[in-house]
Amino acid sequence: MPLLQSIVHRLDPTLDGERLSVTAASAPHPQESAVMETLVGELNATYNTKAKGWGRFVEGDASGFARELRAYLNAEQDFAPFTQAVAEPLSAVLGGQLSVGGYLVFAHQRQGETQTLLLGLMHQREGIGINAEHHAEPAAQLNTRQLTLAARINLTQLQQGDAQTQYLSFLKDRGGKKLAEAVAQWLGVQEGVDAPAETRTLLKAFSDYVEKEDFDDDASREKTDALVGYANDQLSRGEPMTLDELSAVVDEKQPKAFYEHIRHADYGLAAEIPPDKRTLNQFRRFTGRAGGVSISFDSHLLGSSVEYDESGDRLIIKQVPKQLKEQLKRRD
């Protein structure tokens, strides 16, 4: 992912621990730096695996961050002054929350026709290096796998002005609620799509679709793998899933079938859904066939609608599908 601009500032807590001081770089990092590209690439990879909130700037770009960013994008302000201008308010918002110093990275990057702005705060960790005399010595390293805060803005979508697009995401780990709220305040983001809830609803829609179409075990497993594979690919790229693309992936022979199922059943899903890693990791389909009995169900139903009695070697289904129930009633 080519870097168009990048810069690093340092944030340090003051002696009283009540505020943060900013030591700003005076100029952007030299372009075409392989080391900086590697650093930003690792930050992107880490960010893609984290739980995130999604949204857009509050209406009218009322936040200071949004105004400064617009000025940069409109060539009214250079990259270094832009990042310095937004780093100062961040130090005020985070005052008292950081006990150690960190490095705040801003990276304006391009992938294909899409441009994004990534920002992340990381810390140093102590490591060991080898010096010119081949002696081991302490060597500080940047910990790119643990971000204190981070956000990414799809600049291309922002400038297109689509009122429905959630072009801004920010780190929202479960253990850092207060920090996430502070970052959202600094960015001026109006949160929109709930990624875990939307992903759960999408998986429910998929389960209903598989049941309605009555696919055999192999087809059911194949379509489940296709859905999870597509979602993980989008997750690795930091991009949302789109329902029409997903529908084509799930069923190549009928590329619109799953999409039409979602729309006709009115699940209330957005056209673009940010995949949630935790929710996807919990999703599997159990399938089995023996002695004329074929069973297939989603793993999240185990313990609720379906129970497994290991000692008695029994599978208990609490909610019999309506179609099956009607067939059983007519068995005579």
Protein backbone atom coordinates (compact mmCIF):
# COMPACT_ATOMS: atom_id res chain seq x y z
CA MET A 1 0.00 0.00 0.00
CA PRO A 2 1.96 3.09 -1.21
CA LEU A 3 2.45 5.90 1.28
CA LEU A 4 1.61 9.38 0.03
CA GLN A 5 2.45 11.13 3.32
CA SER A 6 3.46 9.95 6.80
CA ILE A 7 4.63 11.55 10.03
CA VAL A 8 5.26 10.57 13.66
CA HIS A 9 4.67 12.72 16.76
CA ARG A 10 5.42 11.79 20.37
CA LEU A 11 2.99 12.06 23.28
CA ASP A 12 4.28 12.07 26.86
CA PRO A 13 2.47 12.47 30.18
CA THR A 14 3.62 15.46 32.23
CA LEU A 15 5.25 14.95 35.62
CA ASP A 16 1.95 15.50 37.43
CA GLY A 17 0.29 12.93 35.16
CA GLU A 18 -2.63 15.26 34.47
CA ARG A 19 -1.78 16.28 30.91
CA LEU A 20 0.06 15.13 27.81
CA SER A 21 2.74 17.06 26.02
CA VAL A 22 3.23 16.79 22.27
CA THR A 23 6.68 16.65 20.71
CA ALA A 24 5.82 17.21 17.07
CA ALA A 25 7.89 16.33 14.03
CA SER A 26 8.59 19.45 12.00
CA ALA A 27 8.24 17.72 8.62
CA PRO A 28 6.75 14.53 7.17
CA HIS A 29 8.77 11.34 7.01
CA PRO A 30 10.84 11.05 3.82
CA GLN A 31 8.83 9.43 1.05
CA GLU A 32 9.65 6.05 -0.48
CA SER A 33 10.94 4.72 2.84
CA ALA A 34 10.81 0.92 2.95
CA VAL A 35 11.06 0.95 6.76
CA MET A 36 8.13 3.34 7.15
CA GLU A 37 6.04 1.35 4.66
CA THR A 38 6.74 -1.79 6.68
CA LEU A 39 5.76 -0.03 9.91
CA VAL A 40 2.47 1.25 8.46
CA GLY A 41 1.79 -2.14 6.90
CA GLU A 42 2.13 -3.79 10.32
CA LEU A 43 -0.15 -1.18 11.88
CA ASN A 44 -2.79 -1.84 9.21
CA ALA A 45 -2.55 -5.59 9.78
CA THR A 46 -2.98 -5.19 13.55
CA TYR A 47 -5.84 -2.72 13.14
CA ASN A 48 -7.73 -5.03 10.79
CA THR A 49 -7.94 -7.74 13.48
CA LYS A 50 -9.29 -5.46 16.24
CA ALA A 51 -12.87 -4.73 17.26
CA LYS A 52 -13.96 -1.39 15.84
CA GLY A 53 -16.72 1.16 15.93
CA TRP A 54 -17.96 2.51 12.58
CA GLY A 55 -19.51 5.83 11.63
CA ARG A 56 -19.00 9.18 9.98
CA PHE A 57 -18.24 12.75 11.02
CA VAL A 58 -21.05 14.54 12.78
CA GLU A 59 -23.25 16.49 10.40
CA GLY A 60 -21.64 19.59 8.95
CA ASP A 61 -18.09 18.50 9.91
CA ALA A 62 -18.59 20.22 13.26
CA SER A 63 -15.50 18.65 14.86
CA GLY A 64 -12.13 20.35 14.75
CA PHE A 65 -10.56 17.17 13.38
CA ALA A 66 -12.98 17.11 10.42
CA ARG A 67 -12.36 20.76 9.60
CA GLU A 68 -8.58 20.35 9.71
CA LEU A 69 -8.79 17.22 7.57
CA ARG A 70 -10.96 18.99 4.98
CA ALA A 71 -8.43 21.83 4.85
CA TYR A 72 -5.66 19.31 4.16
CA LEU A 73 -7.65 17.48 1.50
CA ASN A 74 -8.51 20.79 -0.18
CA ALA A 75 -4.79 21.71 -0.28
CA GLU A 76 -5.40 24.60 2.11
CA GLN A 77 -2.98 23.14 4.66
CA ASP A 78 0.12 20.95 4.44
CA PHE A 79 0.29 17.48 5.98
CA ALA A 80 2.61 18.30 8.91
CA PRO A 81 0.62 21.35 10.16
CA PHE A 82 -2.61 19.35 9.79
CA THR A 83 -1.35 16.50 11.98
CA GLN A 84 0.12 18.92 14.53
CA ALA A 85 -3.18 20.81 14.73
CA VAL A 86 -5.16 17.66 15.54
CA ALA A 87 -2.54 16.12 17.85
CA GLU A 88 -2.80 18.99 20.36
CA PRO A 89 -6.55 18.48 21.05
CA LEU A 90 -5.90 14.74 21.37
CA SER A 91 -3.35 15.40 24.12
CA ALA A 92 -6.01 17.38 25.99
CA VAL A 93 -8.67 14.68 25.56
CA LEU A 94 -6.32 11.92 26.75
CA GLY A 95 -4.92 13.87 29.70
CA GLY A 96 -4.50 11.59 32.71
CA GLN A 97 -5.22 8.39 30.76
CA LEU A 98 -1.68 7.51 29.61
CA SER A 99 1.00 6.52 32.10
CA VAL A 100 3.81 6.12 29.51
CA GLY A 101 4.81 7.93 26.37
CA GLY A 102 3.86 6.80 22.90
CA TYR A 103 4.31 7.55 19.22
CA LEU A 104 1.38 8.88 17.21
CA VAL A 105 1.62 7.83 13.56
CA PHE A 106 -0.35 9.46 10.73
CA ALA A 107 -0.25 7.76 7.33
CA HIS A 108 -1.98 8.95 4.15
CA GLN A 109 -1.96 5.86 1.96
CA ARG A 110 -3.35 4.61 -1.32
CA GLN A 111 -4.50 1.17 -2.42
CA GLY A 112 -5.73 1.02 -5.98
CA GLU A 113 -8.14 3.91 -6.42
CA THR A 114 -8.87 4.22 -2.69
CA GLN A 115 -7.05 6.61 -0.36
CA THR A 116 -7.19 6.31 3.43
CA LEU A 117 -5.81 8.05 6.48
CA LEU A 118 -4.58 5.74 9.22
CA LEU A 119 -3.60 7.02 12.64
CA GLY A 120 -2.41 4.98 15.58
CA LEU A 121 -0.71 5.39 18.95
CA MET A 122 1.83 2.73 19.88
CA HIS A 123 4.46 2.32 22.57
CA GLN A 124 8.01 1.04 22.81
CA ARG A 125 8.98 -2.25 24.37
CA GLU A 126 12.41 -3.38 25.46
CA GLY A 127 14.16 -5.88 23.22
CA ILE A 128 17.66 -7.17 22.55
CA GLY A 129 19.87 -6.34 19.59
CA ILE A 130 23.40 -7.11 18.42
CA ASN A 131 25.86 -4.22 18.01
CA ALA A 132 28.76 -3.75 15.59
CA GLU A 133 31.04 -5.78 17.90
CA HIS A 134 28.50 -8.67 17.83
CA HIS A 135 27.63 -8.05 21.47
CA ALA A 136 24.09 -8.29 22.80
CA GLU A 137 22.68 -4.98 24.01
CA PRO A 138 19.28 -3.49 24.92
CA ALA A 139 17.32 -2.29 21.90
CA ALA A 140 14.00 -0.47 22.09
CA GLN A 141 11.37 -1.65 19.61
CA LEU A 142 7.99 -0.29 18.56
CA ASN A 143 5.17 -2.59 19.58
CA THR A 144 3.05 -2.62 16.43
CA ARG A 145 0.83 -5.45 17.67
CA GLN A 146 -0.67 -3.50 20.53
CA LEU A 147 -2.30 -0.21 19.59
CA THR A 148 -3.47 2.08 22.38
CA LEU A 149 -5.77 3.94 20.01
CA ALA A 150 -6.27 3.92 16.28
CA ALA A 151 -8.65 5.07 13.56
CA ARG A 152 -8.88 4.86 9.80
CA ILE A 153 -10.80 7.13 7.44
CA ASN A 154 -11.65 6.20 3.87
CA LEU A 155 -10.84 9.54 2.28
CA THR A 156 -12.24 8.52 -1.09
CA GLN A 157 -15.66 7.74 0.39
CA LEU A 158 -15.52 10.87 2.55
CA GLN A 159 -15.02 13.07 -0.50
CA GLN A 160 -17.74 11.29 -2.47
CA GLY A 161 -20.22 12.51 0.12
CA ASP A 162 -22.52 9.45 0.27
CA ALA A 163 -24.84 10.09 3.22
CA GLN A 164 -25.14 6.36 4.01
CA THR A 165 -21.48 5.36 3.92
CA GLN A 166 -19.72 4.56 7.19
CA TYR A 167 -16.31 5.79 6.04
CA LEU A 168 -14.69 6.13 9.49
CA SER A 169 -13.69 3.35 11.89
CA PHE A 170 -11.93 3.52 15.25
CA LEU A 171 -10.52 1.05 17.75
CA LYS A 172 -13.14 -0.12 20.21
CA ASP A 173 -11.69 -2.92 22.32
CA ARG A 174 -13.87 -4.14 25.15
CA GLY A 175 -11.35 -3.21 27.84
CA GLY A 176 -10.88 0.39 26.68
CA LYS A 177 -14.38 1.86 26.68
CA LYS A 178 -13.34 5.16 28.25
CA LEU A 179 -10.44 5.57 25.85
CA ALA A 180 -12.62 4.71 22.83
CA GLU A 181 -15.16 7.33 23.91
CA ALA A 182 -12.39 9.92 24.22
CA VAL A 183 -11.09 9.12 20.74
CA ALA A 184 -14.61 9.27 19.27
CA GLN A 185 -15.04 12.69 20.89
CA TRP A 186 -11.72 13.88 19.44
CA LEU A 187 -12.58 12.66 15.95
CA GLY A 188 -16.13 14.00 16.13
CA VAL A 189 -17.57 10.70 14.91
CA GLN A 190 -21.24 9.88 14.85
CA GLU A 191 -21.35 6.12 15.32
CA GLY A 192 -23.61 4.24 12.93
CA VAL A 193 -23.37 0.54 12.13
CA ASP A 194 -23.02 -1.87 15.07
CA ALA A 195 -20.59 -4.36 13.50
CA PRO A 196 -21.17 -7.29 15.92
CA ALA A 197 -24.96 -6.94 15.78
CA GLU A 198 -24.99 -6.56 11.98
CA THR A 199 -22.70 -9.57 11.56
CA ARG A 200 -24.94 -11.68 13.84
CA THR A 201 -28.01 -10.65 11.84
CA LEU A 202 -26.24 -11.49 8.58
CA LEU A 203 -25.35 -14.96 9.87
CA LYS A 204 -28.96 -15.47 11.00
CA ALA A 205 -30.13 -14.48 7.51
CA PHE A 206 -27.67 -16.97 6.02
CA SER A 207 -28.89 -19.77 8.31
CA ASP A 208 -32.49 -19.04 7.32
CA TYR A 209 -31.50 -19.07 3.64
CA VAL A 210 -29.74 -22.44 3.92
CA GLU A 211 -32.75 -23.90 5.72
CA LYS A 212 -35.25 -22.46 3.23
CA GLU A 213 -33.34 -23.77 0.20
CA ASP A 214 -32.83 -27.16 1.91
CA PHE A 215 -29.25 -27.61 0.66
CA ASP A 216 -27.57 -30.96 1.26
CA ASP A 217 -24.67 -31.26 3.72
CA ASP A 218 -21.92 -30.69 1.15
CA ALA A 219 -23.60 -27.63 -0.38
CA SER A 220 -24.37 -26.21 3.05
CA ARG A 221 -20.75 -26.60 4.17
CA GLU A 222 -19.44 -25.18 0.90
CA LYS A 223 -21.62 -22.06 1.16
CA THR A 224 -20.71 -21.55 4.82
CA ASP A 225 -17.01 -21.72 3.94
CA ALA A 226 -17.58 -19.25 1.10
CA LEU A 227 -19.31 -16.75 3.40
CA VAL A 228 -16.68 -16.98 6.14
CA GLY A 229 -13.85 -16.84 3.61
CA TYR A 230 -15.24 -13.69 1.99
CA ALA A 231 -15.81 -12.06 5.38
CA ASN A 232 -12.26 -12.83 6.51
CA ASP A 233 -10.82 -11.51 3.24
CA GLN A 234 -12.67 -8.22 3.75
CA LEU A 235 -11.54 -8.18 7.36
CA SER A 236 -7.89 -8.58 6.36
CA ARG A 237 -8.25 -5.63 3.96
CA GLY A 238 -10.11 -3.52 6.50
CA GLU A 239 -13.12 -3.19 4.20
CA PRO A 240 -16.82 -3.88 4.79
CA MET A 241 -18.78 -6.73 3.25
CA THR A 242 -21.28 -5.72 0.57
CA LEU A 243 -24.47 -7.75 0.30
CA ASP A 244 -24.46 -8.04 -3.49
CA GLU A 245 -20.82 -9.24 -3.58
CA LEU A 246 -21.48 -11.70 -0.75
CA SER A 247 -24.56 -13.06 -2.51
CA ALA A 248 -22.51 -13.83 -5.61
CA VAL A 249 -19.83 -15.55 -3.51
CA VAL A 250 -22.35 -17.69 -1.62
CA ASP A 251 -24.06 -18.98 -4.77
CA GLU A 252 -22.27 -18.49 -8.08
CA LYS A 253 -25.07 -20.17 -10.04
CA GLN A 254 -27.70 -17.87 -8.54
CA PRO A 255 -25.69 -14.76 -7.62
CA LYS A 256 -28.75 -12.71 -6.62
CA ALA A 257 -30.57 -15.42 -4.62
CA PHE A 258 -29.14 -14.69 -1.16
CA TYR A 259 -29.41 -10.94 -1.73
CA GLU A 260 -33.10 -11.28 -2.67
CA HIS A 261 -33.70 -13.49 0.37
CA ILE A 262 -32.31 -10.77 2.65
CA ARG A 263 -34.34 -8.03 1.03
CA HIS A 264 -37.65 -9.95 0.92
CA ALA A 265 -37.34 -11.09 4.55
CA ASP A 266 -36.54 -7.53 5.67
CA TYR A 267 -33.71 -8.21 8.10
CA GLY A 268 -32.93 -4.49 8.23
CA LEU A 269 -29.33 -5.00 7.12
CA ALA A 270 -27.28 -2.16 5.69
CA ALA A 271 -25.92 -2.56 2.14
CA GLU A 272 -22.39 -2.59 3.60
CA ILE A 273 -21.56 -4.48 6.80
CA PRO A 274 -18.24 -4.23 8.65
CA PRO A 275 -17.31 -7.84 9.55
CA ASP A 276 -16.82 -8.54 13.26
CA LYS A 277 -13.98 -10.99 13.88
CA ARG A 278 -15.24 -12.37 17.21
CA THR A 279 -18.70 -13.10 15.82
CA LEU A 280 -17.27 -14.81 12.73
CA ASN A 281 -14.93 -16.97 14.81
CA GLN A 282 -17.91 -18.36 16.71
CA PHE A 283 -19.79 -19.32 13.53
CA ARG A 284 -19.70 -22.91 12.29
CA ARG A 285 -22.20 -25.41 10.93
CA PHE A 286 -22.45 -28.89 12.39
CA THR A 287 -23.54 -31.49 9.84
CA GLY A 288 -23.93 -35.25 9.88
CA ARG A 289 -25.68 -38.08 8.07
CA ALA A 290 -26.20 -41.69 9.21
CA GLY A 291 -28.86 -44.36 8.92
CA GLY A 292 -31.16 -42.26 6.78
CA VAL A 293 -30.97 -39.25 9.14
CA SER A 294 -29.39 -35.98 7.97
CA ILE A 295 -28.80 -33.16 10.48
CA SER A 296 -27.33 -29.70 9.94
CA PHE A 297 -27.41 -26.68 12.27
CA ASP A 298 -25.41 -23.59 13.19
CA SER A 299 -23.03 -23.80 16.12
CA HIS A 300 -24.58 -20.82 17.91
CA LEU A 301 -27.80 -22.85 18.35
CA LEU A 302 -25.99 -25.45 20.44
CA GLY A 303 -27.07 -24.99 24.05
CA SER A 304 -30.25 -23.11 23.18
CA SER A 305 -32.42 -24.57 20.39
CA VAL A 306 -30.26 -27.70 20.20
CA GLU A 307 -28.79 -29.69 23.10
CA TYR A 308 -26.25 -32.50 22.98
CA ASP A 309 -26.50 -35.16 25.68
CA GLU A 310 -23.10 -36.83 25.40
CA SER A 311 -23.73 -39.46 28.10
CA GLY A 312 -26.98 -40.57 26.48
CA ASP A 313 -25.71 -40.08 22.92
CA ARG A 314 -28.74 -37.93 22.11
CA LEU A 315 -29.31 -34.71 20.21
CA ILE A 316 -32.35 -32.79 21.47
CA ILE A 317 -34.01 -30.30 19.12
CA LYS A 318 -36.22 -27.86 21.03
CA GLN A 319 -37.56 -25.83 18.14
CA VAL A 320 -38.64 -28.10 15.29
CA PRO A 321 -38.62 -26.27 11.91
CA LYS A 322 -42.13 -25.42 10.76
CA GLN A 323 -41.78 -27.26 7.44
CA LEU A 324 -40.62 -30.43 9.21
CA LYS A 325 -43.37 -30.09 11.80
CA GLU A 326 -46.05 -29.99 9.08
CA GLN A 327 -44.59 -33.11 7.46
CA LEU A 328 -44.64 -34.94 10.78
CA LYS A 329 -48.28 -34.03 11.33
CA ARG A 330 -49.17 -35.51 7.95
CA ARG A 331 -47.15 -38.71 8.41
CA ASP A 332 -50.24 -40.91 8.58
